């Protein structure tokens, strides 16, 4: 499972998820991508489940890029625990995803195969998504 090797602080505040994604909003590495339409937390387990769904459907063909990393620790207190006593232990690592963020990219496969693979990954995600393709830049000579 993905998680940081080391962090400056063990625990973080929850924070807010306002606005659109400023970076990571276009397909840069592959030919097709899975873009988020909502804001949300995506856990390391969900990221791994999406990666497995894509690679299994592509049958180890093509290349897959994961464009999100779970760097935010989420804490949870044990069940049936009284209030107080401080913040609970780290339970999971999540990636903060805003609308417009490309989460996965696929390259080196036909469009129909990439579309089906990304659709399978989208079913594992807790946010609404859509498939996008690379926008070729205009080259002026």
C-alpha atoms as a PDB file:
ATOM      1  CA  UNK A   1       0.000   0.000   0.000  1.00  0.00           C
ATOM      2  CA  UNK A   2       1.157   3.537  -0.714  1.00  0.00           C
ATOM      3  CA  UNK A   3       2.198   5.761   2.175  1.00  0.00           C
ATOM      4  CA  UNK A   4       4.981   8.274   2.814  1.00  0.00           C
ATOM      5  CA  UNK A   5       8.344   6.970   4.028  1.00  0.00           C
ATOM      6  CA  UNK A   6       8.538   9.772   6.577  1.00  0.00           C
ATOM      7  CA  UNK A   7       6.560  12.908   7.442  1.00  0.00           C
ATOM      8  CA  UNK A   8       7.358  16.035   9.390  1.00  0.00           C
ATOM      9  CA  UNK A   9       4.299  15.593  11.641  1.00  0.00           C
ATOM     10  CA  UNK A  10       2.504  12.366  12.558  1.00  0.00           C
ATOM     11  CA  UNK A  11      -1.044  13.773  12.465  1.00  0.00           C
ATOM     12  CA  UNK A  12      -2.820  16.483  10.453  1.00  0.00           C
ATOM     13  CA  UNK A  13      -5.976  18.556  10.634  1.00  0.00           C
ATOM     14  CA  UNK A  14      -8.797  17.514   8.320  1.00  0.00           C
ATOM     15  CA  UNK A  15      -8.690  20.690   6.213  1.00  0.00           C
ATOM     16  CA  UNK A  16     -11.073  21.894   3.508  1.00  0.00           C
ATOM     17  CA  UNK A  17     -11.681  20.755  -0.069  1.00  0.00           C
ATOM     18  CA  UNK A  18     -12.621  23.985  -1.810  1.00  0.00           C
ATOM     19  CA  UNK A  19     -12.009  24.941  -5.421  1.00  0.00           C
ATOM     20  CA  UNK A  20     -10.735  23.160  -8.489  1.00  0.00           C
ATOM     21  CA  UNK A  21      -7.454  21.308  -8.924  1.00  0.00           C
ATOM     22  CA  UNK A  22      -4.793  23.776 -10.016  1.00  0.00           C
ATOM     23  CA  UNK A  23      -2.164  21.222 -10.965  1.00  0.00           C
ATOM     24  CA  UNK A  24      -2.421  17.697 -12.302  1.00  0.00           C
ATOM     25  CA  UNK A  25      -5.505  18.553 -14.333  1.00  0.00           C
ATOM     26  CA  UNK A  26      -4.343  17.442 -17.793  1.00  0.00           C
ATOM     27  CA  UNK A  27      -3.040  14.216 -19.303  1.00  0.00           C
ATOM     28  CA  UNK A  28       0.757  14.497 -19.421  1.00  0.00           C
ATOM     29  CA  UNK A  29       2.276  11.001 -19.541  1.00  0.00           C
ATOM     30  CA  UNK A  30      -0.161   8.613 -21.243  1.00  0.00           C
ATOM     31  CA  UNK A  31      -2.834   8.918 -23.923  1.00  0.00           C
ATOM     32  CA  UNK A  32      -5.957   8.589 -21.742  1.00  0.00           C
ATOM     33  CA  UNK A  33      -6.722   9.545 -18.156  1.00  0.00           C
ATOM     34  CA  UNK A  34      -9.341   9.228 -15.431  1.00  0.00           C
ATOM     35  CA  UNK A  35     -10.329  12.686 -14.186  1.00  0.00           C
ATOM     36  CA  UNK A  36     -12.211  13.454 -10.972  1.00  0.00           C
ATOM     37  CA  UNK A  37     -15.408  15.511 -11.120  1.00  0.00           C
ATOM     38  CA  UNK A  38     -15.885  15.776  -7.317  1.00  0.00           C
ATOM     39  CA  UNK A  39     -13.750  16.556  -4.303  1.00  0.00           C
ATOM     40  CA  UNK A  40     -12.971  13.792  -1.864  1.00  0.00           C
ATOM     41  CA  UNK A  41     -10.465  11.644  -0.037  1.00  0.00           C
ATOM     42  CA  UNK A  42      -9.160   8.586  -1.853  1.00  0.00           C
ATOM     43  CA  UNK A  43      -7.561   6.030   0.439  1.00  0.00           C
ATOM     44  CA  UNK A  44      -4.409   4.084  -0.368  1.00  0.00           C
ATOM     45  CA  UNK A  45      -6.550   0.926  -0.610  1.00  0.00           C
ATOM     46  CA  UNK A  46      -8.843   2.524  -3.206  1.00  0.00           C
ATOM     47  CA  UNK A  47      -5.847   3.740  -5.239  1.00  0.00           C
ATOM     48  CA  UNK A  48      -4.398   0.213  -5.211  1.00  0.00           C
ATOM     49  CA  UNK A  49      -7.770  -1.329  -6.127  1.00  0.00           C
ATOM     50  CA  UNK A  50      -8.032   1.017  -9.117  1.00  0.00           C
ATOM     51  CA  UNK A  51      -4.478   0.208 -10.205  1.00  0.00           C
ATOM     52  CA  UNK A  52      -5.172  -3.523 -10.014  1.00  0.00           C
ATOM     53  CA  UNK A  53      -8.403  -3.160 -12.001  1.00  0.00           C
ATOM     54  CA  UNK A  54      -6.582  -1.291 -14.787  1.00  0.00           C
ATOM     55  CA  UNK A  55      -3.558  -3.590 -15.018  1.00  0.00           C
ATOM     56  CA  UNK A  56      -5.684  -6.745 -14.948  1.00  0.00           C
ATOM     57  CA  UNK A  57      -7.907  -5.482 -17.741  1.00  0.00           C
ATOM     58  CA  UNK A  58      -4.933  -4.414 -19.870  1.00  0.00           C
ATOM     59  CA  UNK A  59      -3.410  -7.891 -19.313  1.00  0.00           C
ATOM     60  CA  UNK A  60      -0.034  -6.357 -18.489  1.00  0.00           C
ATOM     61  CA  UNK A  61      -0.015  -4.456 -21.781  1.00  0.00           C
ATOM     62  CA  UNK A  62       0.548  -0.720 -22.076  1.00  0.00           C
ATOM     63  CA  UNK A  63       1.702   1.481 -19.207  1.00  0.00           C
ATOM     64  CA  UNK A  64      -0.165   2.857 -16.203  1.00  0.00           C
ATOM     65  CA  UNK A  65       0.677   6.041 -14.294  1.00  0.00           C
ATOM     66  CA  UNK A  66      -0.789   6.821 -10.854  1.00  0.00           C
ATOM     67  CA  UNK A  67      -0.996  10.601 -10.530  1.00  0.00           C
ATOM     68  CA  UNK A  68      -2.196  10.810  -6.910  1.00  0.00           C
ATOM     69  CA  UNK A  69      -0.317   9.895  -3.731  1.00  0.00           C
ATOM     70  CA  UNK A  70      -1.826   9.357  -0.254  1.00  0.00           C
ATOM     71  CA  UNK A  71       0.195  11.784   1.867  1.00  0.00           C
ATOM     72  CA  UNK A  72      -2.497  12.790   4.407  1.00  0.00           C
ATOM     73  CA  UNK A  73      -2.835  10.727   7.607  1.00  0.00           C
ATOM     74  CA  UNK A  74      -6.391  10.122   8.836  1.00  0.00           C
ATOM     75  CA  UNK A  75      -6.847   9.228  12.488  1.00  0.00           C
ATOM     76  CA  UNK A  76      -9.638   7.218  14.070  1.00  0.00           C
ATOM     77  CA  UNK A  77     -10.416   6.396  17.679  1.00  0.00           C
ATOM     78  CA  UNK A  78     -11.263   2.758  18.483  1.00  0.00           C
ATOM     79  CA  UNK A  79     -14.906   1.673  18.670  1.00  0.00           C
ATOM     80  CA  UNK A  80     -16.677   2.037  22.030  1.00  0.00           C
ATOM     81  CA  UNK A  81     -14.073   4.484  23.350  1.00  0.00           C
ATOM     82  CA  UNK A  82     -15.034   7.390  25.608  1.00  0.00           C
ATOM     83  CA  UNK A  83     -14.456  10.947  24.432  1.00  0.00           C
ATOM     84  CA  UNK A  84     -11.265  12.745  25.391  1.00  0.00           C
ATOM     85  CA  UNK A  85      -7.808  11.316  25.710  1.00  0.00           C
ATOM     86  CA  UNK A  86      -6.448  13.105  22.662  1.00  0.00           C
ATOM     87  CA  UNK A  87      -6.431  12.371  18.963  1.00  0.00           C
ATOM     88  CA  UNK A  88      -6.583   8.728  17.925  1.00  0.00           C
ATOM     89  CA  UNK A  89      -3.907   6.717  16.112  1.00  0.00           C
ATOM     90  CA  UNK A  90      -3.378   6.968  12.339  1.00  0.00           C
ATOM     91  CA  UNK A  91      -5.897   4.665  10.664  1.00  0.00           C
ATOM     92  CA  UNK A  92      -5.389   5.308   6.937  1.00  0.00           C
ATOM     93  CA  UNK A  93      -3.516   7.422   4.422  1.00  0.00           C
ATOM     94  CA  UNK A  94      -5.543   9.404   1.877  1.00  0.00           C
ATOM     95  CA  UNK A  95      -4.954  11.552  -1.182  1.00  0.00           C
ATOM     96  CA  UNK A  96      -6.929  14.781  -1.364  1.00  0.00           C
ATOM     97  CA  UNK A  97      -8.596  14.949  -4.800  1.00  0.00           C
ATOM     98  CA  UNK A  98     -10.295  18.063  -6.122  1.00  0.00           C
ATOM     99  CA  UNK A  99     -12.473  18.419  -9.251  1.00  0.00           C
ATOM    100  CA  UNK A 100     -10.343  18.307 -12.397  1.00  0.00           C
ATOM    101  CA  UNK A 101      -7.544  16.147 -10.986  1.00  0.00           C
ATOM    102  CA  UNK A 102      -6.270  13.341 -13.252  1.00  0.00           C
ATOM    103  CA  UNK A 103      -5.863  10.281 -11.026  1.00  0.00           C
ATOM    104  CA  UNK A 104      -4.697   7.604 -13.464  1.00  0.00           C
ATOM    105  CA  UNK A 105      -3.195   7.660 -16.939  1.00  0.00           C
ATOM    106  CA  UNK A 106      -2.903   4.845 -19.476  1.00  0.00           C
ATOM    107  CA  UNK A 107      -0.730   4.724 -22.575  1.00  0.00           C
ATOM    108  CA  UNK A 108       0.233   2.315 -25.336  1.00  0.00           C
ATOM    109  CA  UNK A 109      -3.180   0.658 -25.738  1.00  0.00           C
ATOM    110  CA  UNK A 110      -6.184   1.196 -28.075  1.00  0.00           C
ATOM    111  CA  UNK A 111      -8.854   3.693 -27.031  1.00  0.00           C
ATOM    112  CA  UNK A 112     -11.615   1.114 -26.455  1.00  0.00           C
ATOM    113  CA  UNK A 113      -9.387  -1.020 -24.203  1.00  0.00           C
ATOM    114  CA  UNK A 114      -8.252   2.044 -22.220  1.00  0.00           C
ATOM    115  CA  UNK A 115     -11.856   3.233 -21.841  1.00  0.00           C
ATOM    116  CA  UNK A 116     -12.990  -0.105 -20.419  1.00  0.00           C
ATOM    117  CA  UNK A 117      -9.976  -0.350 -18.074  1.00  0.00           C
ATOM    118  CA  UNK A 118     -10.522   3.180 -16.720  1.00  0.00           C
ATOM    119  CA  UNK A 119     -14.259   2.452 -16.315  1.00  0.00           C
ATOM    120  CA  UNK A 120     -13.359  -0.475 -14.070  1.00  0.00           C
ATOM    121  CA  UNK A 121     -11.074   1.740 -12.004  1.00  0.00           C
ATOM    122  CA  UNK A 122     -13.814   4.393 -11.786  1.00  0.00           C
ATOM    123  CA  UNK A 123     -16.086   1.873 -10.052  1.00  0.00           C
ATOM    124  CA  UNK A 124     -13.569   1.626  -7.217  1.00  0.00           C
ATOM    125  CA  UNK A 125     -13.421   5.394  -6.669  1.00  0.00           C
ATOM    126  CA  UNK A 126     -15.560   7.299  -4.112  1.00  0.00           C
ATOM    127  CA  UNK A 127     -15.857  10.319  -6.469  1.00  0.00           C
ATOM    128  CA  UNK A 128     -17.542  10.861  -9.830  1.00  0.00           C
ATOM    129  CA  UNK A 129     -15.066  10.565 -12.701  1.00  0.00           C
ATOM    130  CA  UNK A 130     -14.819  10.744 -16.472  1.00  0.00           C
ATOM    131  CA  UNK A 131     -12.324   9.560 -19.034  1.00  0.00           C
ATOM    132  CA  UNK A 132     -10.250  12.211 -20.799  1.00  0.00           C
ATOM    133  CA  UNK A 133      -7.699  12.013 -23.597  1.00  0.00           C
ATOM    134  CA  UNK A 134      -4.527  13.923 -24.256  1.00  0.00           C
ATOM    135  CA  UNK A 135      -5.027  17.396 -25.699  1.00  0.00           C
ATOM    136  CA  UNK A 136      -2.356  17.777 -28.373  1.00  0.00           C
ATOM    137  CA  UNK A 137      -0.754  21.246 -28.192  1.00  0.00           C
ATOM    138  CA  UNK A 138      -0.859  23.417 -31.307  1.00  0.00           C
ATOM    139  CA  UNK A 139       2.587  23.498 -32.871  1.00  0.00           C
ATOM    140  CA  UNK A 140       3.322  26.670 -34.810  1.00  0.00           C
ATOM    141  CA  UNK A 141       6.476  26.673 -36.893  1.00  0.00           C
END
